[in-house]
Amino acid sequence: MSVETMIRNETAPRILPVGRYGYDEVDRAFLRERIEQFRDQVKRRVSGALTEDEFKPLRLMNGLYLQLHAYMLRVAVPYGTMDSAQMRALARIAREYDRGYGHFTTRQNIQFNWMALEDTPAALELLAEAEMHAIQTSGNCIRNITSDEFAGAAQDELLDPRVHAEILRQWSTLHPEFTFLPRKFKFAITGSPHDRTAARFHDIGLIAKPGPHGRPVFEVYVGGGLGRTPIVGVLLRDDLPEEDLLAYQEAILRVYNEFGRRDNIYKARIKILVQALGAEEFRSRVDAEFAAMDRSRYRLNPDLIAAIRARFGTPDFASEGDAPAQLTKARAADRKFDAWVRTNTNPHKAPGYISIVVSLKPAGGIPGDVTADQMDLLADLADEYSFGEIRATHLQNVVLAHVRQDKLHEVWTRLSAAGLGTANISFITDIVACPGLDYCALANARSIPIAQKISSRFADPELQERIGELRINISGCINACGHHHVAHLGILGVDKRGEEAFQITLGGSGEEDASIGQILGPAMSEDDTVEAAARLIDFYLVNRKDDERFLDTYRRLGTATFKDVVYAPA
């Protein structure tokens, strides 16, 4: 298969979207055919012509899960990027086919938890009209590829990773060799040396770094993951040229497809293969596969890269003017606004602009949930202030990537009126949580109530600012959809003699200082876990040095010291 057949390169003039890849007729025809095929499958399931066992692999290929109370539709948001029309389509699905809201996940997807089976083809049609789908959100395939939520905007990025994520998406969607892998497979890619994607905890993580001759290259991490066996990925190579991106990923996937275990679901991920072979042996097999390939068929030449980049469109940034001065004035006049700017914004590469993170974590709220009305507001704000662009983050928030600094106060005022103006990004109430036992058939415990209790306990903005950066992640089972292993303070729901209980882990990080949280001790009840978290925070505030983060204090003092805070006799 040549790169020309893997990656479409439309050169005909067309109206381009800004910020996301524009579909062509090939994409649209494919989605129409897929929906009609699934509509027939749904009819056969409803009539009884298909059993649930026969229907399961078919629905999973279309992002449909069967949960505790209803079907759940998981919609792909490739590399976290969407536009206002797509957000409005999601709002319509929430109103017409769910219970008025959706739930953003740690994979930059959005889930609808109350779907009726008969409604799913109509919902997929709405998605297709907005150039969206639910493919690669489930099954043993290459899943929705995640990327930096500030891609194309971040001041510190070396390249726009959306371009390469789109190339990988097209390459992987219907690749005949990788349609039925030993297990699900996850990519993350960032165009900045600062890892905002937890790349080292993916099956393959790609991180841009400065290369020779002024052109970035990629660090390639392989075999990372969470779940039952949390592992920090192995650095396979640190100098992958852009032109060899596809060829090298294909070499890795070929080795995994050939040697990955298929006899045991718990040992089928690539991380197990890498550990079983050892990093050097795995690297040797990949290098041999890579050397044997006709790489000229896979090479990403500059013209192809440029054509894909052009399909994203380019925002027409205005001159800086007095935008920074206007922002400074607004911050001085409004203390609450100033606090929000400090916590919820990120530097932009265009003078006079800034990226904002909209928190979906109000005090006592459900992490990642957003109502249909809030979706419509986000779409309106994107149109008015951010070139129609919206980004989903892997931390269950959303981003307006290109906002003029002198318009920031207007945006914040409207967000605040809709319950979306919380100033807590990276603070203790910016909690990541999976749906847990409220929805998921695999969960051992509920994630949402304990997240709400901790959020309410630490709702005071001044207390949050005093605590500083502290990442709390909560998973309802060992599958770790809440990424508790990479939290500074992680919480895992377990079954303890038929009762819900929770383990605490400390010391995880998903960034450049990647680490896996260590289990603190025996599992506790929900209320005891909340109290334990409060004692840990109190201990940290008393014992930290200067402005030391919770994570740094933990690493300095060690697990045993923090364990005594929770478990030592009074």
Protein backbone atom coordinates (compact mmCIF):
# COMPACT_ATOMS: atom_id res chain seq x y z
CA MET A 1 0.00 0.00 0.00
CA SER A 2 1.56 3.30 -1.07
CA VAL A 3 1.35 6.54 0.85
CA GLU A 4 -0.77 7.96 -2.00
CA THR A 5 -3.48 5.38 -1.31
CA MET A 6 -3.18 5.75 2.46
CA ILE A 7 -3.37 9.55 2.59
CA ARG A 8 -5.75 11.54 0.41
CA ASN A 9 -4.33 14.69 -1.11
CA GLU A 10 -7.12 16.74 -2.59
CA THR A 11 -5.77 19.65 -4.58
CA ALA A 12 -8.98 21.01 -6.09
CA PRO A 13 -10.02 24.43 -4.71
CA ARG A 14 -12.65 24.19 -1.98
CA ILE A 15 -13.94 26.14 1.00
CA LEU A 16 -11.84 25.06 3.96
CA PRO A 17 -12.83 25.02 7.63
CA VAL A 18 -10.57 26.75 10.09
CA GLY A 19 -8.94 24.57 12.71
CA ARG A 20 -10.06 21.11 11.69
CA TYR A 21 -9.49 18.84 8.73
CA GLY A 22 -12.13 19.30 6.02
CA TYR A 23 -13.79 16.13 4.74
CA ASP A 24 -13.91 15.32 1.04
CA GLU A 25 -16.49 13.26 -0.87
CA VAL A 26 -14.57 10.05 -0.17
CA ASP A 27 -15.00 10.62 3.58
CA ARG A 28 -18.68 11.47 3.19
CA ALA A 29 -19.47 8.48 0.98
CA PHE A 30 -17.69 6.17 3.38
CA LEU A 31 -19.74 7.41 6.34
CA ARG A 32 -23.03 7.12 4.41
CA GLU A 33 -22.25 3.52 3.48
CA ARG A 34 -21.19 2.68 7.02
CA ILE A 35 -24.39 4.13 8.52
CA GLU A 36 -26.66 2.24 6.10
CA GLN A 37 -24.81 -0.96 6.88
CA PHE A 38 -25.25 -0.38 10.61
CA ARG A 39 -28.93 0.57 10.20
CA ASP A 40 -29.52 -2.88 8.71
CA GLN A 41 -27.58 -4.52 11.52
CA VAL A 42 -29.68 -2.68 14.14
CA LYS A 43 -32.91 -3.80 12.43
CA ARG A 44 -31.72 -7.40 12.49
CA ARG A 45 -30.78 -7.13 16.16
CA VAL A 46 -34.17 -5.63 17.09
CA SER A 47 -36.00 -8.31 15.13
CA GLY A 48 -33.98 -11.07 16.78
CA ALA A 49 -32.24 -12.13 13.58
CA LEU A 50 -28.94 -11.28 15.28
CA THR A 51 -28.09 -12.38 18.81
CA GLU A 52 -26.30 -10.00 21.16
CA ASP A 53 -23.11 -12.05 20.78
CA GLU A 54 -23.37 -11.69 16.98
CA PHE A 55 -24.25 -8.01 17.22
CA LYS A 56 -21.56 -7.03 19.73
CA PRO A 57 -18.57 -6.80 17.34
CA LEU A 58 -20.72 -4.93 14.81
CA ARG A 59 -21.90 -2.29 17.28
CA LEU A 60 -18.43 -1.86 18.76
CA MET A 61 -17.10 -1.03 15.28
CA ASN A 62 -19.58 1.86 15.37
CA GLY A 63 -18.78 3.09 18.87
CA LEU A 64 -21.84 1.60 20.60
CA TYR A 65 -21.47 -0.02 24.03
CA LEU A 66 -24.04 -1.78 26.19
CA GLN A 67 -23.77 -0.41 29.73
CA LEU A 68 -25.70 -0.97 32.96
CA HIS A 69 -28.86 0.97 32.06
CA ALA A 70 -28.73 1.75 28.34
CA TYR A 71 -26.54 1.80 25.28
CA MET A 72 -23.70 4.31 25.25
CA LEU A 73 -22.52 6.00 22.04
CA ARG A 74 -18.91 7.13 22.07
CA VAL A 75 -18.22 9.79 19.46
CA ALA A 76 -14.72 10.35 18.09
CA VAL A 77 -13.21 13.82 18.27
CA PRO A 78 -10.01 13.17 16.29
CA TYR A 79 -7.06 14.76 18.09
CA GLY A 80 -9.58 16.72 20.15
CA THR A 81 -10.46 19.23 17.42
CA MET A 82 -13.97 20.24 16.36
CA ASP A 83 -15.81 23.29 15.08
CA SER A 84 -18.93 25.10 16.19
CA ALA A 85 -21.23 23.23 13.79
CA GLN A 86 -19.99 19.93 15.20
CA MET A 87 -20.56 21.09 18.76
CA ARG A 88 -24.12 22.08 17.84
CA ALA A 89 -24.65 18.61 16.35
CA LEU A 90 -23.53 17.10 19.65
CA ALA A 91 -25.95 19.39 21.49
CA ARG A 92 -28.78 18.21 19.25
CA ILE A 93 -27.94 14.55 19.92
CA ALA A 94 -27.91 15.30 23.65
CA ARG A 95 -31.40 16.83 23.45
CA GLU A 96 -33.04 14.41 21.04
CA TYR A 97 -31.46 11.07 21.89
CA ASP A 98 -29.95 11.39 25.39
CA ARG A 99 -31.01 13.18 28.58
CA GLY A 100 -29.76 16.62 27.69
CA TYR A 101 -26.04 16.28 28.23
CA GLY A 102 -22.84 14.55 27.13
CA HIS A 103 -19.68 13.45 28.91
CA PHE A 104 -16.18 14.31 27.67
CA THR A 105 -13.65 11.53 28.28
CA THR A 106 -9.91 11.14 28.82
CA ARG A 107 -9.55 10.15 25.15
CA GLN A 108 -10.88 13.52 23.90
CA ASN A 109 -14.08 11.71 22.89
CA ILE A 110 -17.62 12.53 24.03
CA GLN A 111 -20.05 9.88 25.29
CA PHE A 112 -23.84 9.80 25.35
CA ASN A 113 -24.88 7.42 28.11
CA TRP A 114 -28.63 7.00 27.54
CA MET A 115 -28.99 5.94 23.89
CA ALA A 116 -31.85 3.76 22.63
CA LEU A 117 -30.60 1.17 20.15
CA GLU A 118 -33.18 2.13 17.53
CA ASP A 119 -32.02 5.78 17.64
CA THR A 120 -28.35 5.17 16.99
CA PRO A 121 -28.46 5.20 13.14
CA ALA A 122 -30.26 8.58 13.23
CA ALA A 123 -27.67 9.93 15.70
CA LEU A 124 -24.88 8.70 13.44
CA GLU A 125 -26.54 10.50 10.52
CA LEU A 126 -26.50 13.76 12.48
CA LEU A 127 -22.82 13.19 13.19
CA ALA A 128 -22.06 12.47 9.53
CA GLU A 129 -23.80 15.66 8.43
CA ALA A 130 -21.39 17.52 10.71
CA GLU A 131 -18.42 15.45 9.44
CA MET A 132 -18.14 13.35 12.60
CA HIS A 133 -18.42 9.66 13.38
CA ALA A 134 -17.97 7.04 16.10
CA ILE A 135 -15.41 4.88 14.31
CA GLN A 136 -12.20 3.89 16.16
CA THR A 137 -13.74 4.57 19.57
CA SER A 138 -13.99 0.87 20.47
CA GLY A 139 -12.80 -2.58 19.45
CA ASN A 140 -9.34 -4.03 18.83
CA CYS A 141 -8.26 -1.32 16.44
CA ILE A 142 -6.21 1.87 16.51
CA ARG A 143 -8.35 4.11 18.70
CA ASN A 144 -9.10 7.81 18.35
CA ILE A 145 -5.70 9.53 18.25
CA THR A 146 -5.19 12.13 20.95
CA SER A 147 -3.13 15.28 20.74
CA ASP A 148 -2.26 18.57 22.40
CA GLU A 149 -5.37 20.68 22.98
CA PHE A 150 -3.32 23.81 22.17
CA ALA A 151 -2.09 22.45 18.82
CA GLY A 152 -1.57 25.18 16.25
CA ALA A 153 -1.77 27.84 18.95
CA ALA A 154 0.75 27.04 21.68
CA GLN A 155 3.66 29.39 22.04
CA ASP A 156 6.03 26.51 22.77
CA GLU A 157 5.15 24.13 19.93
CA LEU A 158 7.71 23.11 17.32
CA LEU A 159 5.15 21.79 14.84
CA ASP A 160 1.37 21.47 14.58
CA PRO A 161 0.67 17.86 15.66
CA ARG A 162 -2.86 17.89 14.18
CA VAL A 163 -1.30 17.46 10.74
CA HIS A 164 0.51 14.29 11.73
CA ALA A 165 -2.41 13.02 13.80
CA GLU A 166 -4.63 13.37 10.71
CA ILE A 167 -2.08 11.49 8.62
CA LEU A 168 -2.05 8.70 11.20
CA ARG A 169 -5.87 8.72 11.34
CA GLN A 170 -6.23 8.28 7.59
CA TRP A 171 -3.51 5.63 7.49
CA SER A 172 -5.09 3.61 10.30
CA THR A 173 -8.84 3.89 9.69
CA LEU A 174 -9.22 1.05 7.19
CA HIS A 175 -5.70 -0.38 7.14
CA PRO A 176 -6.25 -4.06 6.29
CA GLU A 177 -3.41 -5.29 8.49
CA PHE A 178 -4.50 -3.41 11.60
CA THR A 179 -8.29 -3.80 11.61
CA PHE A 180 -8.22 -6.70 14.09
CA LEU A 181 -5.22 -6.27 16.36
CA PRO A 182 -4.52 -8.45 19.41
CA ARG A 183 -6.00 -5.65 21.52
CA LYS A 184 -6.96 -1.98 21.35
CA PHE A 185 -4.14 0.39 20.41
CA LYS A 186 -3.67 4.03 21.41
CA PHE A 187 -1.56 6.84 19.95
CA ALA A 188 -0.77 10.25 21.41
CA ILE A 189 1.18 12.98 19.65
CA THR A 190 2.40 16.38 20.79
CA GLY A 191 4.21 19.06 18.83
CA SER A 192 5.82 20.53 21.94
CA PRO A 193 8.61 19.15 24.13
CA HIS A 194 6.20 19.82 27.02
CA ASP A 195 4.01 16.73 27.08
CA ARG A 196 0.35 17.69 27.42
CA THR A 197 -0.91 14.29 26.18
CA ALA A 198 0.53 11.71 28.63
CA ALA A 199 2.41 10.34 25.61
CA ARG A 200 4.60 8.04 27.69
CA PHE A 201 1.51 6.12 28.83
CA HIS A 202 0.28 5.22 25.35
CA ASP A 203 0.96 2.22 23.15
CA ILE A 204 2.84 4.69 20.97
CA GLY A 205 3.65 8.21 22.10
CA LEU A 206 5.21 10.76 19.73
CA ILE A 207 6.85 13.91 21.10
CA ALA A 208 8.38 16.56 18.83
CA LYS A 209 11.84 17.85 19.69
CA PRO A 210 14.37 20.08 17.92
CA GLY A 211 16.28 18.21 15.23
CA PRO A 212 19.20 18.84 12.92
CA HIS A 213 19.04 21.51 10.22
CA GLY A 214 16.26 23.32 12.06
CA ARG A 215 13.63 20.64 11.40
CA PRO A 216 11.89 18.87 14.32
CA VAL A 217 12.15 15.12 14.81
CA PHE A 218 10.10 12.79 16.97
CA GLU A 219 10.86 10.90 20.13
CA VAL A 220 9.02 7.58 19.86
CA TYR A 221 7.82 5.92 23.06
CA VAL A 222 6.29 2.45 22.91
CA GLY A 223 4.65 0.08 25.35
CA GLY A 224 3.23 2.56 27.83
CA GLY A 225 -0.15 2.04 29.42
CA LEU A 226 -2.28 1.99 32.54
CA GLY A 227 -4.91 -0.57 33.57
CA ARG A 228 -3.91 -3.73 35.43
CA THR A 229 -0.25 -3.32 34.49
CA PRO A 230 0.74 0.37 34.54
CA ILE A 231 3.99 0.94 32.65
CA VAL A 232 5.93 4.01 31.52
CA GLY A 233 6.70 3.60 27.82
CA VAL A 234 10.16 2.76 26.52
CA LEU A 235 12.00 5.33 24.41
CA LEU A 236 12.40 3.40 21.17
CA ARG A 237 14.23 6.17 19.31
CA ASP A 238 14.72 9.90 19.73
CA ASP A 239 15.45 11.01 16.18
CA LEU A 240 12.62 9.89 13.90
CA PRO A 241 12.47 12.18 10.86
CA GLU A 242 9.08 13.50 9.81
CA GLU A 243 9.35 11.81 6.42
CA ASP A 244 9.61 8.34 8.03
CA LEU A 245 6.72 8.79 10.47
CA LEU A 246 4.32 6.37 8.76
CA ALA A 247 6.90 3.75 7.87
CA TYR A 248 8.21 3.50 11.41
CA GLN A 249 4.74 3.29 12.96
CA GLU A 250 3.85 0.54 10.49
CA ALA A 251 7.00 -1.37 11.45
CA ILE A 252 5.99 -1.21 15.13
CA LEU A 253 2.43 -2.32 14.39
CA ARG A 254 3.63 -5.23 12.23
CA VAL A 255 5.81 -6.54 15.04
CA TYR A 256 2.94 -6.22 17.50
CA ASN A 257 0.44 -7.83 15.15
CA GLU A 258 2.74 -10.78 14.57
CA PHE A 259 4.01 -11.41 18.08
CA GLY A 260 1.36 -9.92 20.37
CA ARG A 261 -0.55 -12.48 22.43
CA ARG A 262 -4.11 -13.35 21.42
CA ASP A 263 -4.75 -16.11 23.95
CA ASN A 264 -5.19 -13.87 27.00
CA ILE A 265 -6.99 -10.51 26.92
CA TYR A 266 -5.02 -9.28 29.94
CA LYS A 267 -1.67 -9.97 28.27
CA ALA A 268 -2.47 -8.83 24.75
CA ARG A 269 -1.44 -5.15 24.88
CA ILE A 270 1.84 -4.12 23.28
CA LYS A 271 3.21 -3.12 26.69
CA ILE A 272 3.23 -6.80 27.68
CA LEU A 273 5.04 -7.76 24.48
CA VAL A 274 7.68 -5.08 25.00
CA GLN A 275 8.24 -6.24 28.58
CA ALA A 276 8.35 -9.92 27.55
CA LEU A 277 10.87 -9.39 24.75
CA GLY A 278 12.81 -6.66 26.47
CA ALA A 279 13.32 -3.19 25.05
CA GLU A 280 16.44 -4.06 23.05
CA GLU A 281 14.94 -7.15 21.41
CA PHE A 282 11.73 -5.32 20.58
CA ARG A 283 13.73 -2.44 19.10
CA SER A 284 15.80 -4.91 17.07
CA ARG A 285 12.69 -6.51 15.56
CA VAL A 286 11.17 -3.14 14.71
CA ASP A 287 14.42 -1.94 13.14
CA ALA A 288 14.62 -5.13 11.05
CA GLU A 289 11.06 -4.67 9.84
CA PHE A 290 11.73 -1.00 9.13
CA ALA A 291 14.91 -1.79 7.16
CA ALA A 292 13.12 -4.41 5.04
CA MET A 293 10.32 -2.02 4.00
CA ASP A 294 10.28 -0.09 0.76
CA ARG A 295 10.22 3.20 2.63
CA SER A 296 9.86 5.23 -0.54
CA ARG A 297 6.23 4.07 -0.65
CA TYR A 298 5.59 5.54 2.80
CA ARG A 299 7.67 8.70 2.66
CA LEU A 300 5.93 11.88 3.73
CA ASN A 301 7.30 14.46 1.34
CA PRO A 302 7.02 18.18 2.14
CA ASP A 303 4.34 18.77 -0.51
CA LEU A 304 2.07 16.15 1.05
CA ILE A 305 2.59 17.59 4.53
CA ALA A 306 1.80 21.06 3.20
CA ALA A 307 -1.37 19.84 1.48
CA ILE A 308 -2.66 18.22 4.65
CA ARG A 309 -1.78 21.32 6.66
CA ALA A 310 -3.68 23.50 4.18
CA ARG A 311 -6.82 21.43 4.74
CA PHE A 312 -6.98 22.80 8.30
CA GLY A 313 -7.23 26.40 7.16
CA THR A 314 -5.43 29.30 8.84
CA PRO A 315 -6.99 31.78 11.28
CA ASP A 316 -6.79 35.38 10.12
CA PHE A 317 -5.15 36.85 13.21
CA ALA A 318 -5.58 40.59 13.64
CA SER A 319 -2.71 42.84 14.62
CA GLU A 320 -1.87 42.96 18.29
CA GLY A 321 -2.97 46.57 18.76
CA ASP A 322 -3.68 47.44 22.38
CA ALA A 323 -5.17 44.02 23.21
CA PRO A 324 -2.57 43.19 25.91
CA ALA A 325 -3.06 46.58 27.57
CA GLN A 326 -6.84 46.13 27.55
CA LEU A 327 -6.45 42.71 29.20
CA THR A 328 -4.15 44.16 31.87
CA LYS A 329 -6.72 46.86 32.60
CA ALA A 330 -9.58 44.36 32.86
CA ARG A 331 -7.60 42.13 35.21
CA ALA A 332 -6.78 45.05 37.49
CA ALA A 333 -10.46 45.99 37.69
CA ASP A 334 -11.85 42.51 38.48
CA ARG A 335 -10.16 40.21 40.99
CA LYS A 336 -12.22 37.14 40.09
CA PHE A 337 -11.46 37.61 36.41
CA ASP A 338 -7.78 38.00 37.20
CA ALA A 339 -7.79 34.69 39.10
CA TRP A 340 -9.46 32.96 36.15
CA VAL A 341 -6.91 34.34 33.70
CA ARG A 342 -4.06 33.07 35.91
CA THR A 343 -5.42 29.52 36.03
CA ASN A 344 -7.40 29.01 32.81
CA THR A 345 -5.27 30.49 30.03
CA ASN A 346 -2.25 29.40 28.00
CA PRO A 347 0.23 31.58 26.04
CA HIS A 348 -0.51 31.92 22.32
CA LYS A 349 2.03 32.15 19.52
CA ALA A 350 0.14 35.04 17.85
CA PRO A 351 0.69 38.43 19.54
CA GLY A 352 -2.48 39.75 21.13
CA TYR A 353 -4.14 36.32 21.44
CA ILE A 354 -4.47 33.75 24.20
CA SER A 355 -5.91 30.22 24.58
CA ILE A 356 -8.49 29.61 27.29
CA VAL A 357 -9.43 26.39 29.04
CA VAL A 358 -13.12 26.17 29.90
CA SER A 359 -13.49 24.13 33.06
CA LEU A 360 -16.18 21.44 33.03
CA LYS A 361 -15.59 20.96 36.77
CA PRO A 362 -17.80 23.35 38.79
CA ALA A 363 -17.67 22.85 42.55
CA GLY A 364 -19.63 19.70 43.35
CA GLY A 365 -20.23 18.98 39.66
CA ILE A 366 -19.71 15.85 37.58
CA PRO A 367 -16.29 16.00 35.86
CA GLY A 368 -16.54 16.20 32.08
CA ASP A 369 -20.32 16.61 31.88
CA VAL A 370 -21.70 19.40 29.68
CA THR A 371 -25.34 20.20 28.96
CA ALA A 372 -26.83 20.75 25.53
CA ASP A 373 -27.36 24.44 26.34
CA GLN A 374 -23.73 24.77 27.39
CA MET A 375 -22.63 23.08 24.15
CA ASP A 376 -24.61 25.62 22.16
CA LEU A 377 -23.04 28.46 24.15
CA LEU A 378 -19.55 27.09 23.51
CA ALA A 379 -20.38 26.94 19.79
CA ASP A 380 -21.58 30.55 19.86
CA LEU A 381 -18.48 31.73 21.70
CA ALA A 382 -16.25 29.82 19.29
CA ASP A 383 -17.90 31.53 16.34
CA GLU A 384 -17.72 34.98 17.89
CA TYR A 385 -14.29 34.87 19.49
CA SER A 386 -12.20 31.86 18.34
CA PHE A 387 -12.61 31.38 14.56
CA GLY A 388 -15.22 28.67 15.17
CA GLU A 389 -12.71 26.31 16.82
CA ILE A 390 -13.24 24.16 19.92
CA ARG A 391 -10.87 21.60 21.43
CA ALA A 392 -11.55 18.74 23.84
CA THR A 393 -8.79 17.97 26.35
CA HIS A 394 -7.76 14.59 27.74
CA LEU A 395 -8.39 16.14 31.17
CA GLN A 396 -12.13 16.46 30.44
CA ASN A 397 -12.27 20.19 29.76
CA VAL A 398 -12.61 22.18 26.52
CA VAL A 399 -10.47 24.89 24.94
CA LEU A 400 -11.15 28.00 22.89
CA ALA A 401 -7.76 28.23 21.27
CA HIS A 402 -7.60 31.68 19.64
CA VAL A 403 -9.19 34.46 21.70
CA ARG A 404 -8.19 38.11 21.43
CA GLN A 405 -6.88 39.30 24.77
CA ASP A 406 -9.13 42.36 24.75
CA LYS A 407 -12.19 40.09 24.34
CA LEU A 408 -11.29 37.80 27.21
CA HIS A 409 -13.43 39.51 29.83
CA GLU A 410 -16.50 39.30 27.59
CA VAL A 411 -15.94 35.57 27.09
CA TRP A 412 -15.43 34.94 30.81
CA THR A 413 -18.58 36.89 31.70
CA ARG A 414 -20.71 34.76 29.38
CA LEU A 415 -19.08 31.53 30.50
CA SER A 416 -19.65 32.41 34.13
CA ALA A 417 -23.34 33.09 33.55
CA ALA A 418 -23.67 29.56 32.16
CA GLY A 419 -21.76 27.83 34.98
CA LEU A 420 -18.59 27.47 32.90
CA GLY A 421 -16.43 30.17 34.46
CA THR A 422 -14.77 28.14 37.22
CA ALA A 423 -11.15 29.18 37.83
CA ASN A 424 -9.60 25.84 38.79
CA ILE A 425 -7.48 24.37 36.00
CA SER A 426 -4.76 22.15 37.54
CA PHE A 427 -6.18 22.78 41.02
CA ILE A 428 -7.59 20.17 43.38
CA THR A 429 -11.16 20.51 42.05
CA ASP A 430 -10.10 20.02 38.42
CA ILE A 431 -10.77 16.32 38.98
CA VAL A 432 -10.65 13.68 36.24
CA ALA A 433 -13.14 10.84 36.72
CA CYS A 434 -14.59 8.03 34.65
CA PRO A 435 -18.39 7.39 34.73
CA GLY A 436 -17.82 4.49 37.15
CA LEU A 437 -20.52 2.23 38.52
CA ASP A 438 -23.25 4.78 37.86
CA TYR A 439 -23.05 3.65 34.22
CA CYS A 440 -20.26 1.19 33.47
CA ALA A 441 -20.82 -2.57 33.68
CA LEU A 442 -17.11 -3.14 34.33
CA ALA A 443 -16.79 -0.81 37.31
CA ASN A 444 -16.43 -1.88 40.95
CA ALA A 445 -17.34 1.47 42.48
CA ARG A 446 -18.88 4.83 41.70
CA SER A 447 -16.41 7.53 40.68
CA ILE A 448 -18.80 10.46 40.41
CA PRO A 449 -20.00 10.81 44.05
CA ILE A 450 -16.51 10.78 45.55
CA ALA A 451 -15.37 13.33 42.94
CA GLN A 452 -18.29 15.55 43.91
CA LYS A 453 -17.55 15.24 47.63
CA ILE A 454 -13.87 16.14 47.22
CA SER A 455 -14.74 19.01 44.92
CA SER A 456 -17.27 20.39 47.39
CA ARG A 457 -14.86 19.94 50.30
CA PHE A 458 -12.22 22.10 48.58
CA ALA A 459 -14.54 24.49 46.73
CA ASP A 460 -13.15 27.66 48.33
CA PRO A 461 -11.14 29.45 45.59
CA GLU A 462 -8.57 30.89 48.01
CA LEU A 463 -7.92 27.45 49.50
CA GLN A 464 -7.47 25.96 46.04
CA GLU A 465 -4.99 28.65 45.09
CA ARG A 466 -3.11 28.12 48.34
CA ILE A 467 -2.86 24.37 47.66
CA GLY A 468 -1.68 25.04 44.12
CA GLU A 469 -1.14 22.45 41.40
CA LEU A 470 -2.61 19.12 42.46
CA ARG A 471 -3.97 16.56 40.04
CA ILE A 472 -6.68 14.17 41.35
CA ASN A 473 -7.86 11.36 39.06
CA ILE A 474 -10.51 8.75 39.94
CA SER A 475 -11.17 5.38 38.28
CA GLY A 476 -14.07 3.08 39.09
CA CYS A 477 -12.08 -0.07 38.31
CA ILE A 478 -8.63 -1.36 37.45
CA ASN A 479 -9.14 -0.59 33.74
CA ALA A 480 -8.14 2.96 34.77
CA CYS A 481 -10.28 5.00 32.39
CA GLY A 482 -9.88 7.85 34.89
CA HIS A 483 -6.06 7.58 34.60
CA HIS A 484 -5.64 7.40 38.38
CA HIS A 485 -2.12 5.97 38.01
CA VAL A 486 -0.77 9.28 36.64
CA ALA A 487 -2.42 11.52 39.23
CA HIS A 488 -0.56 13.26 42.03
CA LEU A 489 -3.34 11.81 44.18
CA GLY A 490 -5.14 8.91 42.50
CA ILE A 491 -8.23 7.07 43.69
CA LEU A 492 -9.19 3.58 42.51
CA GLY A 493 -12.55 1.97 43.16
CA VAL A 494 -12.38 -1.68 44.25
CA ASP A 495 -14.77 -4.36 45.43
CA LYS A 496 -14.11 -5.15 49.09
CA ARG A 497 -16.19 -8.14 50.12
CA GLY A 498 -19.14 -6.95 48.08
CA GLU A 499 -18.86 -3.31 49.16
CA GLU A 500 -17.50 -0.29 47.28
CA ALA A 501 -14.10 0.78 48.57
CA PHE A 502 -11.25 2.99 47.38
CA GLN A 503 -7.47 2.78 47.25
CA ILE A 504 -5.31 5.90 47.27
CA THR A 505 -2.21 6.19 45.09
CA LEU A 506 0.34 9.00 45.37
CA GLY A 507 3.11 10.34 43.17
CA GLY A 508 1.89 9.80 39.62
CA SER A 509 2.57 12.15 36.71
CA GLY A 510 1.68 12.05 33.02
CA GLU A 511 4.08 14.78 31.94
CA GLU A 512 7.83 14.84 31.22
CA ASP A 513 8.55 13.59 34.74
CA ALA A 514 6.34 10.56 34.06
CA SER A 515 5.77 8.28 37.02
CA ILE A 516 3.23 5.76 38.30
CA GLY A 517 1.45 6.44 41.55
CA GLN A 518 2.23 4.12 44.46
CA ILE A 519 -0.57 2.46 46.44
CA LEU A 520 -0.68 4.05 49.89
CA GLY A 521 -2.40 1.25 51.79
CA PRO A 522 -5.63 -0.73 52.27
CA ALA A 523 -8.86 0.38 50.60
CA MET A 524 -11.31 2.52 52.57
CA SER A 525 -14.94 3.57 52.39
CA GLU A 526 -15.94 6.58 50.30
CA ASP A 527 -16.24 8.96 53.26
CA ASP A 528 -13.01 7.71 54.84
CA THR A 529 -11.22 8.27 51.52
CA VAL A 530 -12.43 11.88 51.37
CA GLU A 531 -11.22 12.41 54.95
CA ALA A 532 -7.89 10.78 54.12
CA ALA A 533 -7.43 13.12 51.16
CA ALA A 534 -8.14 16.08 53.45
CA ARG A 535 -5.51 14.91 55.97
CA LEU A 536 -2.96 14.47 53.19
CA ILE A 537 -3.58 18.00 51.96
CA ASP A 538 -3.29 19.43 55.49
CA PHE A 539 -0.01 17.57 55.99
CA TYR A 540 1.31 18.85 52.68
CA LEU A 541 0.47 22.47 53.46
CA VAL A 542 2.34 22.28 56.75
CA ASN A 543 5.39 20.46 55.38
CA ARG A 544 6.00 21.84 51.90
CA LYS A 545 9.03 24.03 51.20
CA ASP A 546 8.39 27.44 49.68
CA ASP A 547 6.04 27.02 46.70
CA GLU A 548 6.71 23.29 46.34
CA ARG A 549 3.98 21.33 44.56
CA PHE A 550 2.17 18.49 46.31
CA LEU A 551 3.94 16.05 43.96
CA ASP A 552 7.35 17.45 44.83
CA THR A 553 6.69 17.32 48.57
CA TYR A 554 5.57 13.72 48.23
CA ARG A 555 8.69 12.78 46.27
CA ARG A 556 10.91 14.51 48.81
CA LEU A 557 9.35 12.95 51.91
CA GLY A 558 8.45 9.54 50.49
CA THR A 559 5.49 7.14 50.59
CA ALA A 560 6.03 5.95 54.17
CA THR A 561 5.70 9.45 55.58
CA PHE A 562 2.41 10.08 53.79
CA LYS A 563 1.14 6.62 54.66
CA ASP A 564 1.53 7.40 58.34
CA VAL A 565 -0.69 10.46 57.89
CA VAL A 566 -3.57 8.22 56.78
CA TYR A 567 -3.03 4.93 58.60
CA ALA A 568 -0.98 5.59 61.74
CA PRO A 569 -2.97 5.18 64.98
CA ALA A 570 -4.26 8.45 66.37
